[in-house]
Structure formats: structure tokens, C-alpha cells
Protein backbone atom coordinates (compact mmCIF):
# COMPACT_ATOMS: atom_id res chain seq x y z
CA MET A 1 25.98 -20.27 33.25
CA LYS A 2 23.44 -20.64 30.60
CA MET A 3 19.86 -18.89 30.38
CA THR A 4 16.81 -21.14 30.22
CA LYS A 5 14.20 -20.64 27.72
CA ASN A 6 12.04 -19.56 30.25
CA GLU A 7 14.56 -16.63 31.36
CA ILE A 8 14.77 -15.49 27.93
CA LYS A 9 10.77 -15.41 27.46
CA ASN A 10 10.59 -13.84 30.82
CA LEU A 11 13.10 -11.18 29.73
CA ILE A 12 11.54 -10.79 26.17
CA MET A 13 7.96 -10.45 27.99
CA GLU A 14 9.02 -7.21 30.15
CA ILE A 15 11.37 -5.78 27.97
CA ALA A 16 8.22 -5.45 25.48
CA GLU A 17 5.78 -5.13 28.21
CA TYR A 18 3.86 -8.00 26.81
CA LYS A 19 1.03 -8.96 29.02
CA GLU A 20 -0.89 -10.97 26.03
CA ALA A 21 -1.12 -14.85 25.83
CA ASP A 22 1.73 -17.04 26.58
CA ILE A 23 4.26 -16.49 23.76
CA ALA A 24 5.58 -20.13 22.30
CA CYS A 25 9.44 -20.70 21.68
CA SER A 26 8.65 -20.95 17.71
CA ASP A 27 6.97 -17.99 17.31
CA ASN A 28 8.29 -14.98 15.41
CA LEU A 29 8.34 -12.87 17.47
CA ILE A 30 9.41 -9.87 15.34
CA GLU A 31 6.83 -10.75 12.50
CA MET A 32 4.23 -10.85 15.34
CA GLY A 33 5.09 -7.15 16.79
CA ILE A 34 6.49 -8.31 19.92
CA ILE A 35 10.01 -6.97 19.38
CA ASP A 36 12.05 -4.52 17.54
CA SER A 37 15.32 -3.38 16.90
CA LEU A 38 15.02 -1.36 20.12
CA MET A 39 13.66 -3.98 22.42
CA VAL A 40 16.59 -6.53 20.50
CA MET A 41 18.92 -3.94 21.87
CA GLU A 42 17.96 -3.83 25.55
CA ILE A 43 17.79 -7.55 25.55
CA ILE A 44 21.58 -7.26 24.67
CA ASP A 45 22.20 -5.02 27.03
CA TYR A 46 20.73 -7.34 29.75
CA ILE A 47 22.66 -9.82 28.89
CA GLU A 48 25.96 -8.30 28.33
CA ASP A 49 25.21 -6.97 31.86
CA LYS A 50 24.18 -10.20 33.47
CA TYR A 51 26.98 -12.17 32.49
CA GLN A 52 29.69 -9.35 32.14
CA MET A 53 30.33 -10.28 28.50
CA GLU A 54 30.14 -8.70 25.29
CA PHE A 55 27.74 -10.07 22.67
CA PRO A 56 29.65 -10.95 19.50
CA PRO A 57 28.54 -8.26 16.79
CA GLU A 58 28.25 -10.94 13.90
CA SER A 59 25.67 -12.02 16.29
CA ILE A 60 23.78 -9.48 16.13
CA VAL A 61 21.15 -9.88 13.69
CA PRO A 62 17.45 -10.10 13.37
CA GLU A 63 17.48 -13.50 12.15
CA ASN A 64 18.99 -14.69 16.19
CA PHE A 65 16.22 -12.77 17.56
CA GLU A 66 13.27 -13.86 15.68
CA SER A 67 11.93 -16.34 18.21
CA ILE A 68 13.33 -17.64 22.04
CA ASP A 69 14.14 -20.68 20.24
CA LYS A 70 17.08 -18.94 18.02
CA LEU A 71 18.01 -16.68 21.00
CA TYR A 72 18.79 -19.45 23.06
CA GLU A 73 20.92 -21.65 20.59
CA VAL A 74 22.51 -18.08 20.16
CA LEU A 75 23.33 -17.85 23.67
CA ASN A 76 24.21 -21.73 24.28
CA LYS A 77 27.50 -20.59 21.53
CA ILE A 78 28.25 -17.39 23.18
CA LEU A 79 27.57 -17.71 26.88
CA PRO A 80 30.83 -19.36 29.29
């Protein structure tokens, strides 16, 4: 089962405790200071727990967590 962009956005907003204006799917979350490397690890942990899978090490690079769009693209490749 895949995650929707809305699920990804809600997860990021929860982990980042981001309560400001809505996040666009193309916003660079790292440059905007919405997420950092520790939050990336929390996102990975959540996904691994929810889907009972291991995030491929080669997919754990900052570029894959820059935006909701990019993370959605990566997850579509790795989730069953």
C-alpha cells in the first residue's frame, strides 16, 4: 500500500510540529528549515514501522527528502 501525498504532508507536519501555512508539495522542506536530518530519521522510522519494511540505504540521501513530491516518488519505487 502506497502513501498518498497528503499522508506524507501530514506526517512531515506532525514530526516537524509545523503549524504555519500549508506546505506545497514542491516546497524544499530542508531549505525552508521545516525538516532536518533528525526529522528525516523519524520519517524513515515511521515508514519502516508502518509498512514493516527496511528503507534501502541508497535511498537515504537528502535529495529524496527535499519535498513531498520527491519523497512520494521515492516511496512509490520502494513500497510494495
